[in-house]
Amino acid sequence: RAMAREKIAEMRERDPERDVQIFSVP
């Protein structure tokens, strides 16, 4: 789950204008 949070943070940093919301995790 920490790895998923890191991935989300990378996606937001790469494209700050896009609203990326994590929706479902295992």
mmCIF file of all heavy atoms, coordinates in Angstrom:
data_MODEL
# 
_entry.id   MODEL 
# 
loop_
_atom_site.group_PDB 
_atom_site.id 
_atom_site.type_symbol 
_atom_site.label_atom_id 
_atom_site.label_alt_id 
_atom_site.label_comp_id 
_atom_site.label_asym_id 
_atom_site.label_entity_id 
_atom_site.label_seq_id 
_atom_site.pdbx_PDB_ins_code 
_atom_site.Cartn_x 
_atom_site.Cartn_y 
_atom_site.Cartn_z 
_atom_site.occupancy 
_atom_site.B_iso_or_equiv 
_atom_site.pdbx_formal_charge 
_atom_site.auth_seq_id 
_atom_site.auth_comp_id 
_atom_site.auth_asym_id 
_atom_site.auth_atom_id 
_atom_site.pdbx_PDB_model_num 
ATOM 1   N N   . ARG A 1 1  ? 0.834   -1.206 0.000   1.00 0.00 ? 1  ARG A N   1 
ATOM 2   C CA  . ARG A 1 1  ? 0.000   0.000  0.000   1.00 0.00 ? 1  ARG A CA  1 
ATOM 3   C C   . ARG A 1 1  ? 0.870   1.259  0.000   1.00 0.00 ? 1  ARG A C   1 
ATOM 4   O O   . ARG A 1 1  ? 0.517   2.261  -0.638  1.00 0.00 ? 1  ARG A O   1 
ATOM 5   C CB  . ARG A 1 1  ? -0.937  -0.021 1.202   1.00 0.00 ? 1  ARG A CB  1 
ATOM 6   C CG  . ARG A 1 1  ? -2.037  -1.067 1.057   1.00 0.00 ? 1  ARG A CG  1 
ATOM 7   C CD  . ARG A 1 1  ? -2.892  -1.177 2.294   1.00 0.00 ? 1  ARG A CD  1 
ATOM 8   N NE  . ARG A 1 1  ? -4.002  -2.111 2.076   1.00 0.00 ? 1  ARG A NE  1 
ATOM 9   C CZ  . ARG A 1 1  ? -4.826  -2.534 3.033   1.00 0.00 ? 1  ARG A CZ  1 
ATOM 10  N NH1 . ARG A 1 1  ? -4.648  -2.122 4.288   1.00 0.00 ? 1  ARG A NH1 1 
ATOM 11  N NH2 . ARG A 1 1  ? -5.800  -3.369 2.743   1.00 0.00 ? 1  ARG A NH2 1 
ATOM 12  N N   . ALA A 1 2  ? 2.006   1.195  0.683   1.00 0.00 ? 2  ALA A N   1 
ATOM 13  C CA  . ALA A 1 2  ? 2.924   2.335  0.653   1.00 0.00 ? 2  ALA A CA  1 
ATOM 14  C C   . ALA A 1 2  ? 3.449   2.555  -0.762  1.00 0.00 ? 2  ALA A C   1 
ATOM 15  O O   . ALA A 1 2  ? 3.604   3.699  -1.209  1.00 0.00 ? 2  ALA A O   1 
ATOM 16  C CB  . ALA A 1 2  ? 4.079   2.094  1.624   1.00 0.00 ? 2  ALA A CB  1 
ATOM 17  N N   . MET A 1 3  ? 3.707   1.463  -1.473  1.00 0.00 ? 3  MET A N   1 
ATOM 18  C CA  . MET A 1 3  ? 4.164   1.568  -2.850  1.00 0.00 ? 3  MET A CA  1 
ATOM 19  C C   . MET A 1 3  ? 3.083   2.214  -3.725  1.00 0.00 ? 3  MET A C   1 
ATOM 20  O O   . MET A 1 3  ? 3.390   3.005  -4.620  1.00 0.00 ? 3  MET A O   1 
ATOM 21  C CB  . MET A 1 3  ? 4.529   0.179  -3.381  1.00 0.00 ? 3  MET A CB  1 
ATOM 22  C CG  . MET A 1 3  ? 5.366   0.201  -4.637  1.00 0.00 ? 3  MET A CG  1 
ATOM 23  S SD  . MET A 1 3  ? 6.272   -1.345 -4.959  1.00 0.00 ? 3  MET A SD  1 
ATOM 24  C CE  . MET A 1 3  ? 4.931   -2.500 -5.244  1.00 0.00 ? 3  MET A CE  1 
ATOM 25  N N   . ALA A 1 4  ? 1.818   1.904  -3.449  1.00 0.00 ? 4  ALA A N   1 
ATOM 26  C CA  . ALA A 1 4  ? 0.725   2.529  -4.194  1.00 0.00 ? 4  ALA A CA  1 
ATOM 27  C C   . ALA A 1 4  ? 0.666   4.032  -3.912  1.00 0.00 ? 4  ALA A C   1 
ATOM 28  O O   . ALA A 1 4  ? 0.468   4.843  -4.828  1.00 0.00 ? 4  ALA A O   1 
ATOM 29  C CB  . ALA A 1 4  ? -0.600  1.866  -3.829  1.00 0.00 ? 4  ALA A CB  1 
ATOM 30  N N   . ARG A 1 5  ? 0.858   4.420  -2.651  1.00 0.00 ? 5  ARG A N   1 
ATOM 31  C CA  . ARG A 1 5  ? 0.847   5.848  -2.315  1.00 0.00 ? 5  ARG A CA  1 
ATOM 32  C C   . ARG A 1 5  ? 1.979   6.582  -3.025  1.00 0.00 ? 5  ARG A C   1 
ATOM 33  O O   . ARG A 1 5  ? 1.803   7.711  -3.503  1.00 0.00 ? 5  ARG A O   1 
ATOM 34  C CB  . ARG A 1 5  ? 0.956   6.035  -0.800  1.00 0.00 ? 5  ARG A CB  1 
ATOM 35  C CG  . ARG A 1 5  ? -0.291  5.612  -0.035  1.00 0.00 ? 5  ARG A CG  1 
ATOM 36  C CD  . ARG A 1 5  ? -0.278  6.152  1.393   1.00 0.00 ? 5  ARG A CD  1 
ATOM 37  N NE  . ARG A 1 5  ? 0.848   5.643  2.158   1.00 0.00 ? 5  ARG A NE  1 
ATOM 38  C CZ  . ARG A 1 5  ? 0.818   4.521  2.881   1.00 0.00 ? 5  ARG A CZ  1 
ATOM 39  N NH1 . ARG A 1 5  ? -0.289  3.786  2.901   1.00 0.00 ? 5  ARG A NH1 1 
ATOM 40  N NH2 . ARG A 1 5  ? 1.880   4.125  3.562   1.00 0.00 ? 5  ARG A NH2 1 
ATOM 41  N N   . GLU A 1 6  ? 3.139   5.947  -3.083  1.00 0.00 ? 6  GLU A N   1 
ATOM 42  C CA  . GLU A 1 6  ? 4.272   6.564  -3.780  1.00 0.00 ? 6  GLU A CA  1 
ATOM 43  C C   . GLU A 1 6  ? 3.966   6.741  -5.260  1.00 0.00 ? 6  GLU A C   1 
ATOM 44  O O   . GLU A 1 6  ? 4.319   7.758  -5.862  1.00 0.00 ? 6  GLU A O   1 
ATOM 45  C CB  . GLU A 1 6  ? 5.517   5.692  -3.588  1.00 0.00 ? 6  GLU A CB  1 
ATOM 46  C CG  . GLU A 1 6  ? 6.029   5.663  -2.155  1.00 0.00 ? 6  GLU A CG  1 
ATOM 47  C CD  . GLU A 1 6  ? 7.090   4.602  -1.946  1.00 0.00 ? 6  GLU A CD  1 
ATOM 48  O OE1 . GLU A 1 6  ? 7.485   3.951  -2.951  1.00 0.00 ? 6  GLU A OE1 1 
ATOM 49  O OE2 . GLU A 1 6  ? 7.522   4.392  -0.792  1.00 0.00 ? 6  GLU A OE2 1 
ATOM 50  N N   . LYS A 1 7  ? 3.310   5.757  -5.844  1.00 0.00 ? 7  LYS A N   1 
ATOM 51  C CA  . LYS A 1 7  ? 2.954   5.843  -7.256  1.00 0.00 ? 7  LYS A CA  1 
ATOM 52  C C   . LYS A 1 7  ? 1.984   6.993  -7.508  1.00 0.00 ? 7  LYS A C   1 
ATOM 53  O O   . LYS A 1 7  ? 2.130   7.757  -8.472  1.00 0.00 ? 7  LYS A O   1 
ATOM 54  C CB  . LYS A 1 7  ? 2.342   4.522  -7.706  1.00 0.00 ? 7  LYS A CB  1 
ATOM 55  C CG  . LYS A 1 7  ? 1.886   4.496  -9.162  1.00 0.00 ? 7  LYS A CG  1 
ATOM 56  C CD  . LYS A 1 7  ? 3.057   4.563  -10.114 1.00 0.00 ? 7  LYS A CD  1 
ATOM 57  C CE  . LYS A 1 7  ? 2.593   4.376  -11.548 1.00 0.00 ? 7  LYS A CE  1 
ATOM 58  N NZ  . LYS A 1 7  ? 3.719   4.488  -12.512 1.00 0.00 ? 7  LYS A NZ  1 
ATOM 59  N N   . ILE A 1 8  ? 1.010   7.146  -6.635  1.00 0.00 ? 8  ILE A N   1 
ATOM 60  C CA  . ILE A 1 8  ? 0.043   8.244  -6.774  1.00 0.00 ? 8  ILE A CA  1 
ATOM 61  C C   . ILE A 1 8  ? 0.759   9.586  -6.657  1.00 0.00 ? 8  ILE A C   1 
ATOM 62  O O   . ILE A 1 8  ? 0.498   10.527 -7.423  1.00 0.00 ? 8  ILE A O   1 
ATOM 63  C CB  . ILE A 1 8  ? -1.060  8.130  -5.709  1.00 0.00 ? 8  ILE A CB  1 
ATOM 64  C CG1 . ILE A 1 8  ? -1.914  6.882  -5.959  1.00 0.00 ? 8  ILE A CG1 1 
ATOM 65  C CG2 . ILE A 1 8  ? -1.934  9.376  -5.701  1.00 0.00 ? 8  ILE A CG2 1 
ATOM 66  C CD1 . ILE A 1 8  ? -2.711  6.922  -7.238  1.00 0.00 ? 8  ILE A CD1 1 
ATOM 67  N N   . ALA A 1 9  ? 1.660   9.692  -5.688  1.00 0.00 ? 9  ALA A N   1 
ATOM 68  C CA  . ALA A 1 9  ? 2.405   10.945 -5.515  1.00 0.00 ? 9  ALA A CA  1 
ATOM 69  C C   . ALA A 1 9  ? 3.212   11.278 -6.768  1.00 0.00 ? 9  ALA A C   1 
ATOM 70  O O   . ALA A 1 9  ? 3.275   12.435 -7.191  1.00 0.00 ? 9  ALA A O   1 
ATOM 71  C CB  . ALA A 1 9  ? 3.319   10.842 -4.296  1.00 0.00 ? 9  ALA A CB  1 
ATOM 72  N N   . GLU A 1 10 ? 3.823   10.281 -7.380  1.00 0.00 ? 10 GLU A N   1 
ATOM 73  C CA  . GLU A 1 10 ? 4.582   10.501 -8.617  1.00 0.00 ? 10 GLU A CA  1 
ATOM 74  C C   . GLU A 1 10 ? 3.670   10.985 -9.738  1.00 0.00 ? 10 GLU A C   1 
ATOM 75  O O   . GLU A 1 10 ? 4.027   11.900 -10.502 1.00 0.00 ? 10 GLU A O   1 
ATOM 76  C CB  . GLU A 1 10 ? 5.268   9.199  -9.036  1.00 0.00 ? 10 GLU A CB  1 
ATOM 77  C CG  . GLU A 1 10 ? 6.403   8.760  -8.129  1.00 0.00 ? 10 GLU A CG  1 
ATOM 78  C CD  . GLU A 1 10 ? 6.933   7.398  -8.517  1.00 0.00 ? 10 GLU A CD  1 
ATOM 79  O OE1 . GLU A 1 10 ? 6.476   6.864  -9.573  1.00 0.00 ? 10 GLU A OE1 1 
ATOM 80  O OE2 . GLU A 1 10 ? 7.770   6.841  -7.782  1.00 0.00 ? 10 GLU A OE2 1 
ATOM 81  N N   . MET A 1 11 ? 2.493   10.385 -9.853  1.00 0.00 ? 11 MET A N   1 
ATOM 82  C CA  . MET A 1 11 ? 1.553   10.764 -10.908 1.00 0.00 ? 11 MET A CA  1 
ATOM 83  C C   . MET A 1 11 ? 1.098   12.215 -10.726 1.00 0.00 ? 11 MET A C   1 
ATOM 84  O O   . MET A 1 11 ? 1.002   12.984 -11.685 1.00 0.00 ? 11 MET A O   1 
ATOM 85  C CB  . MET A 1 11 ? 0.353   9.818  -10.907 1.00 0.00 ? 11 MET A CB  1 
ATOM 86  C CG  . MET A 1 11 ? 0.698   8.394  -11.302 1.00 0.00 ? 11 MET A CG  1 
ATOM 87  S SD  . MET A 1 11 ? -0.645  7.220  -10.983 1.00 0.00 ? 11 MET A SD  1 
ATOM 88  C CE  . MET A 1 11 ? -1.893  7.817  -12.101 1.00 0.00 ? 11 MET A CE  1 
ATOM 89  N N   . ARG A 1 12 ? 0.851   12.612 -9.490  1.00 0.00 ? 12 ARG A N   1 
ATOM 90  C CA  . ARG A 1 12 ? 0.400   13.983 -9.224  1.00 0.00 ? 12 ARG A CA  1 
ATOM 91  C C   . ARG A 1 12 ? 1.523   14.985 -9.464  1.00 0.00 ? 12 ARG A C   1 
ATOM 92  O O   . ARG A 1 12 ? 1.279   16.088 -9.981  1.00 0.00 ? 12 ARG A O   1 
ATOM 93  C CB  . ARG A 1 12 ? -0.110  14.087 -7.788  1.00 0.00 ? 12 ARG A CB  1 
ATOM 94  C CG  . ARG A 1 12 ? -1.454  13.379 -7.574  1.00 0.00 ? 12 ARG A CG  1 
ATOM 95  C CD  . ARG A 1 12 ? -1.842  13.357 -6.120  1.00 0.00 ? 12 ARG A CD  1 
ATOM 96  N NE  . ARG A 1 12 ? -3.190  12.804 -5.950  1.00 0.00 ? 12 ARG A NE  1 
ATOM 97  C CZ  . ARG A 1 12 ? -3.702  12.439 -4.774  1.00 0.00 ? 12 ARG A CZ  1 
ATOM 98  N NH1 . ARG A 1 12 ? -2.955  12.557 -3.674  1.00 0.00 ? 12 ARG A NH1 1 
ATOM 99  N NH2 . ARG A 1 12 ? -4.923  11.960 -4.709  1.00 0.00 ? 12 ARG A NH2 1 
ATOM 100 N N   . GLU A 1 13 ? 2.727   14.610 -9.108  1.00 0.00 ? 13 GLU A N   1 
ATOM 101 C CA  . GLU A 1 13 ? 3.858   15.513 -9.331  1.00 0.00 ? 13 GLU A CA  1 
ATOM 102 C C   . GLU A 1 13 ? 4.135   15.682 -10.822 1.00 0.00 ? 13 GLU A C   1 
ATOM 103 O O   . GLU A 1 13 ? 4.462   16.784 -11.289 1.00 0.00 ? 13 GLU A O   1 
ATOM 104 C CB  . GLU A 1 13 ? 5.094   14.964 -8.624  1.00 0.00 ? 13 GLU A CB  1 
ATOM 105 C CG  . GLU A 1 13 ? 6.321   15.865 -8.745  1.00 0.00 ? 13 GLU A CG  1 
ATOM 106 C CD  . GLU A 1 13 ? 7.509   15.325 -7.983  1.00 0.00 ? 13 GLU A CD  1 
ATOM 107 O OE1 . GLU A 1 13 ? 7.379   14.260 -7.337  1.00 0.00 ? 13 GLU A OE1 1 
ATOM 108 O OE2 . GLU A 1 13 ? 8.577   15.971 -8.026  1.00 0.00 ? 13 GLU A OE2 1 
ATOM 109 N N   . ARG A 1 14 ? 3.982   14.620 -11.561 1.00 0.00 ? 14 ARG A N   1 
ATOM 110 C CA  . ARG A 1 14 ? 4.249   14.663 -12.992 1.00 0.00 ? 14 ARG A CA  1 
ATOM 111 C C   . ARG A 1 14 ? 3.193   15.487 -13.742 1.00 0.00 ? 14 ARG A C   1 
ATOM 112 O O   . ARG A 1 14 ? 3.490   16.123 -14.753 1.00 0.00 ? 14 ARG A O   1 
ATOM 113 C CB  . ARG A 1 14 ? 4.293   13.232 -13.538 1.00 0.00 ? 14 ARG A CB  1 
ATOM 114 C CG  . ARG A 1 14 ? 4.739   13.123 -14.983 1.00 0.00 ? 14 ARG A CG  1 
ATOM 115 C CD  . ARG A 1 14 ? 5.041   11.679 -15.357 1.00 0.00 ? 14 ARG A CD  1 
ATOM 116 N NE  . ARG A 1 14 ? 3.882   10.802 -15.195 1.00 0.00 ? 14 ARG A NE  1 
ATOM 117 C CZ  . ARG A 1 14 ? 3.811   9.816  -14.302 1.00 0.00 ? 14 ARG A CZ  1 
ATOM 118 N NH1 . ARG A 1 14 ? 4.824   9.591  -13.493 1.00 0.00 ? 14 ARG A NH1 1 
ATOM 119 N NH2 . ARG A 1 14 ? 2.733   9.068  -14.209 1.00 0.00 ? 14 ARG A NH2 1 
ATOM 120 N N   . ASP A 1 15 ? 1.954   15.464 -13.252 1.00 0.00 ? 15 ASP A N   1 
ATOM 121 C CA  . ASP A 1 15 ? 0.863   16.177 -13.925 1.00 0.00 ? 15 ASP A CA  1 
ATOM 122 C C   . ASP A 1 15 ? -0.006  16.850 -12.866 1.00 0.00 ? 15 ASP A C   1 
ATOM 123 O O   . ASP A 1 15 ? -1.098  16.380 -12.546 1.00 0.00 ? 15 ASP A O   1 
ATOM 124 C CB  . ASP A 1 15 ? 0.044   15.193 -14.765 1.00 0.00 ? 15 ASP A CB  1 
ATOM 125 C CG  . ASP A 1 15 ? -0.903  15.893 -15.711 1.00 0.00 ? 15 ASP A CG  1 
ATOM 126 O OD1 . ASP A 1 15 ? -1.014  17.131 -15.629 1.00 0.00 ? 15 ASP A OD1 1 
ATOM 127 O OD2 . ASP A 1 15 ? -1.548  15.203 -16.529 1.00 0.00 ? 15 ASP A OD2 1 
ATOM 128 N N   . PRO A 1 16 ? 0.458   17.963 -12.279 1.00 0.00 ? 16 PRO A N   1 
ATOM 129 C CA  . PRO A 1 16 ? -0.238  18.590 -11.152 1.00 0.00 ? 16 PRO A CA  1 
ATOM 130 C C   . PRO A 1 16 ? -1.629  19.132 -11.504 1.00 0.00 ? 16 PRO A C   1 
ATOM 131 O O   . PRO A 1 16 ? -2.450  19.350 -10.603 1.00 0.00 ? 16 PRO A O   1 
ATOM 132 C CB  . PRO A 1 16 ? 0.708   19.718 -10.731 1.00 0.00 ? 16 PRO A CB  1 
ATOM 133 C CG  . PRO A 1 16 ? 1.549   19.982 -11.929 1.00 0.00 ? 16 PRO A CG  1 
ATOM 134 C CD  . PRO A 1 16 ? 1.701   18.669 -12.619 1.00 0.00 ? 16 PRO A CD  1 
ATOM 135 N N   . GLU A 1 17 ? -1.901  19.347 -12.777 1.00 0.00 ? 17 GLU A N   1 
ATOM 136 C CA  . GLU A 1 17 ? -3.212  19.871 -13.168 1.00 0.00 ? 17 GLU A CA  1 
ATOM 137 C C   . GLU A 1 17 ? -4.282  18.789 -13.198 1.00 0.00 ? 17 GLU A C   1 
ATOM 138 O O   . GLU A 1 17 ? -5.477  19.108 -13.206 1.00 0.00 ? 17 GLU A O   1 
ATOM 139 C CB  . GLU A 1 17 ? -3.103  20.532 -14.558 1.00 0.00 ? 17 GLU A CB  1 
ATOM 140 C CG  . GLU A 1 17 ? -2.109  21.683 -14.622 1.00 0.00 ? 17 GLU A CG  1 
ATOM 141 C CD  . GLU A 1 17 ? -2.466  22.793 -13.638 1.00 0.00 ? 17 GLU A CD  1 
ATOM 142 O OE1 . GLU A 1 17 ? -3.659  23.122 -13.524 1.00 0.00 ? 17 GLU A OE1 1 
ATOM 143 O OE2 . GLU A 1 17 ? -1.548  23.308 -12.977 1.00 0.00 ? 17 GLU A OE2 1 
ATOM 144 N N   . ARG A 1 18 ? -3.863  17.563 -13.222 1.00 0.00 ? 18 ARG A N   1 
ATOM 145 C CA  . ARG A 1 18 ? -4.827  16.460 -13.306 1.00 0.00 ? 18 ARG A CA  1 
ATOM 146 C C   . ARG A 1 18 ? -5.200  15.987 -11.904 1.00 0.00 ? 18 ARG A C   1 
ATOM 147 O O   . ARG A 1 18 ? -4.343  15.793 -11.046 1.00 0.00 ? 18 ARG A O   1 
ATOM 148 C CB  . ARG A 1 18 ? -4.237  15.307 -14.115 1.00 0.00 ? 18 ARG A CB  1 
ATOM 149 C CG  . ARG A 1 18 ? -5.070  14.035 -14.085 1.00 0.00 ? 18 ARG A CG  1 
ATOM 150 C CD  . ARG A 1 18 ? -4.532  13.000 -15.048 1.00 0.00 ? 18 ARG A CD  1 
ATOM 151 N NE  . ARG A 1 18 ? -4.873  13.355 -16.422 1.00 0.00 ? 18 ARG A NE  1 
ATOM 152 C CZ  . ARG A 1 18 ? -4.527  12.633 -17.480 1.00 0.00 ? 18 ARG A CZ  1 
ATOM 153 N NH1 . ARG A 1 18 ? -3.808  11.532 -17.319 1.00 0.00 ? 18 ARG A NH1 1 
ATOM 154 N NH2 . ARG A 1 18 ? -4.868  13.003 -18.695 1.00 0.00 ? 18 ARG A NH2 1 
ATOM 155 N N   . ASP A 1 19 ? -6.500  15.804 -11.674 1.00 0.00 ? 19 ASP A N   1 
ATOM 156 C CA  . ASP A 1 19 ? -6.987  15.322 -10.382 1.00 0.00 ? 19 ASP A CA  1 
ATOM 157 C C   . ASP A 1 19 ? -6.970  13.793 -10.390 1.00 0.00 ? 19 ASP A C   1 
ATOM 158 O O   . ASP A 1 19 ? -7.868  13.144 -10.938 1.00 0.00 ? 19 ASP A O   1 
ATOM 159 C CB  . ASP A 1 19 ? -8.403  15.832 -10.124 1.00 0.00 ? 19 ASP A CB  1 
ATOM 160 C CG  . ASP A 1 19 ? -8.930  15.411 -8.756  1.00 0.00 ? 19 ASP A CG  1 
ATOM 161 O OD1 . ASP A 1 19 ? -8.104  15.053 -7.891  1.00 0.00 ? 19 ASP A OD1 1 
ATOM 162 O OD2 . ASP A 1 19 ? -10.161 15.432 -8.561  1.00 0.00 ? 19 ASP A OD2 1 
ATOM 163 N N   . VAL A 1 20 ? -5.924  13.221 -9.793  1.00 0.00 ? 20 VAL A N   1 
ATOM 164 C CA  . VAL A 1 20 ? -5.788  11.763 -9.730  1.00 0.00 ? 20 VAL A CA  1 
ATOM 165 C C   . VAL A 1 20 ? -6.176  11.301 -8.328  1.00 0.00 ? 20 VAL A C   1 
ATOM 166 O O   . VAL A 1 20 ? -5.523  11.661 -7.349  1.00 0.00 ? 20 VAL A O   1 
ATOM 167 C CB  . VAL A 1 20 ? -4.352  11.325 -10.044 1.00 0.00 ? 20 VAL A CB  1 
ATOM 168 C CG1 . VAL A 1 20 ? -4.225  9.807  -9.947  1.00 0.00 ? 20 VAL A CG1 1 
ATOM 169 C CG2 . VAL A 1 20 ? -3.953  11.806 -11.430 1.00 0.00 ? 20 VAL A CG2 1 
ATOM 170 N N   . GLN A 1 21 ? -7.235  10.510 -8.247  1.00 0.00 ? 21 GLN A N   1 
ATOM 171 C CA  . GLN A 1 21 ? -7.711  9.998  -6.963  1.00 0.00 ? 21 GLN A CA  1 
ATOM 172 C C   . GLN A 1 21 ? -7.542  8.481  -6.926  1.00 0.00 ? 21 GLN A C   1 
ATOM 173 O O   . GLN A 1 21 ? -7.971  7.783  -7.849  1.00 0.00 ? 21 GLN A O   1 
ATOM 174 C CB  . GLN A 1 21 ? -9.189  10.347 -6.763  1.00 0.00 ? 21 GLN A CB  1 
ATOM 175 C CG  . GLN A 1 21 ? -9.481  11.828 -6.648  1.00 0.00 ? 21 GLN A CG  1 
ATOM 176 C CD  . GLN A 1 21 ? -8.922  12.411 -5.356  1.00 0.00 ? 21 GLN A CD  1 
ATOM 177 O OE1 . GLN A 1 21 ? -8.831  11.729 -4.337  1.00 0.00 ? 21 GLN A OE1 1 
ATOM 178 N NE2 . GLN A 1 21 ? -8.535  13.681 -5.412  1.00 0.00 ? 21 GLN A NE2 1 
ATOM 179 N N   . ILE A 1 22 ? -6.905  7.998  -5.869  1.00 0.00 ? 22 ILE A N   1 
ATOM 180 C CA  . ILE A 1 22 ? -6.845  6.546  -5.711  1.00 0.00 ? 22 ILE A CA  1 
ATOM 181 C C   . ILE A 1 22 ? -8.240  6.070  -5.356  1.00 0.00 ? 22 ILE A C   1 
ATOM 182 O O   . ILE A 1 22 ? -8.937  6.672  -4.518  1.00 0.00 ? 22 ILE A O   1 
ATOM 183 C CB  . ILE A 1 22 ? -5.794  6.127  -4.665  1.00 0.00 ? 22 ILE A CB  1 
ATOM 184 C CG1 . ILE A 1 22 ? -5.552  4.612  -4.757  1.00 0.00 ? 22 ILE A CG1 1 
ATOM 185 C CG2 . ILE A 1 22 ? -6.178  6.555  -3.255  1.00 0.00 ? 22 ILE A CG2 1 
ATOM 186 C CD1 . ILE A 1 22 ? -4.270  4.160  -4.095  1.00 0.00 ? 22 ILE A CD1 1 
ATOM 187 N N   . PHE A 1 23 ? -8.677  5.016  -6.019  1.00 0.00 ? 23 PHE A N   1 
ATOM 188 C CA  . PHE A 1 23 ? -10.082 4.617  -5.911  1.00 0.00 ? 23 PHE A CA  1 
ATOM 189 C C   . PHE A 1 23 ? -10.273 3.312  -5.146  1.00 0.00 ? 23 PHE A C   1 
ATOM 190 O O   . PHE A 1 23 ? -11.184 3.172  -4.357  1.00 0.00 ? 23 PHE A O   1 
ATOM 191 C CB  . PHE A 1 23 ? -10.682 4.493  -7.316  1.00 0.00 ? 23 PHE A CB  1 
ATOM 192 C CG  . PHE A 1 23 ? -12.152 4.207  -7.328  1.00 0.00 ? 23 PHE A CG  1 
ATOM 193 C CD1 . PHE A 1 23 ? -13.066 5.216  -7.077  1.00 0.00 ? 23 PHE A CD1 1 
ATOM 194 C CD2 . PHE A 1 23 ? -12.625 2.928  -7.586  1.00 0.00 ? 23 PHE A CD2 1 
ATOM 195 C CE1 . PHE A 1 23 ? -14.420 4.951  -7.078  1.00 0.00 ? 23 PHE A CE1 1 
ATOM 196 C CE2 . PHE A 1 23 ? -13.985 2.660  -7.585  1.00 0.00 ? 23 PHE A CE2 1 
ATOM 197 C CZ  . PHE A 1 23 ? -14.886 3.678  -7.340  1.00 0.00 ? 23 PHE A CZ  1 
ATOM 198 N N   . SER A 1 24 ? -9.416  2.347  -5.384  1.00 0.00 ? 24 SER A N   1 
ATOM 199 C CA  . SER A 1 24 ? -9.586  1.047  -4.736  1.00 0.00 ? 24 SER A CA  1 
ATOM 200 C C   . SER A 1 24 ? -8.248  0.339  -4.664  1.00 0.00 ? 24 SER A C   1 
ATOM 201 O O   . SER A 1 24 ? -7.494  0.335  -5.641  1.00 0.00 ? 24 SER A O   1 
ATOM 202 C CB  . SER A 1 24 ? -10.591 0.198  -5.518  1.00 0.00 ? 24 SER A CB  1 
ATOM 203 O OG  . SER A 1 24 ? -10.785 -1.066 -4.911  1.00 0.00 ? 24 SER A OG  1 
ATOM 204 N N   . VAL A 1 25 ? -7.948  -0.241 -3.504  1.00 0.00 ? 25 VAL A N   1 
ATOM 205 C CA  . VAL A 1 25 ? -6.712  -1.007 -3.313  1.00 0.00 ? 25 VAL A CA  1 
ATOM 206 C C   . VAL A 1 25 ? -7.085  -2.406 -2.838  1.00 0.00 ? 25 VAL A C   1 
ATOM 207 O O   . VAL A 1 25 ? -8.199  -2.645 -2.360  1.00 0.00 ? 25 VAL A O   1 
ATOM 208 C CB  . VAL A 1 25 ? -5.788  -0.342 -2.274  1.00 0.00 ? 25 VAL A CB  1 
ATOM 209 C CG1 . VAL A 1 25 ? -5.320  1.016  -2.759  1.00 0.00 ? 25 VAL A CG1 1 
ATOM 210 C CG2 . VAL A 1 25 ? -6.478  -0.236 -0.916  1.00 0.00 ? 25 VAL A CG2 1 
ATOM 211 N N   . PRO A 1 26 ? -6.173  -3.383 -2.949  1.00 0.00 ? 26 PRO A N   1 
ATOM 212 C CA  . PRO A 1 26 ? -6.465  -4.733 -2.473  1.00 0.00 ? 26 PRO A CA  1 
ATOM 213 C C   . PRO A 1 26 ? -6.776  -4.751 -0.983  1.00 0.00 ? 26 PRO A C   1 
ATOM 214 O O   . PRO A 1 26 ? -6.175  -4.004 -0.201  1.00 0.00 ? 26 PRO A O   1 
ATOM 215 C CB  . PRO A 1 26 ? -5.175  -5.505 -2.764  1.00 0.00 ? 26 PRO A CB  1 
ATOM 216 C CG  . PRO A 1 26 ? -4.516  -4.747 -3.852  1.00 0.00 ? 26 PRO A CG  1 
ATOM 217 C CD  . PRO A 1 26 ? -4.851  -3.312 -3.607  1.00 0.00 ? 26 PRO A CD  1 
# 
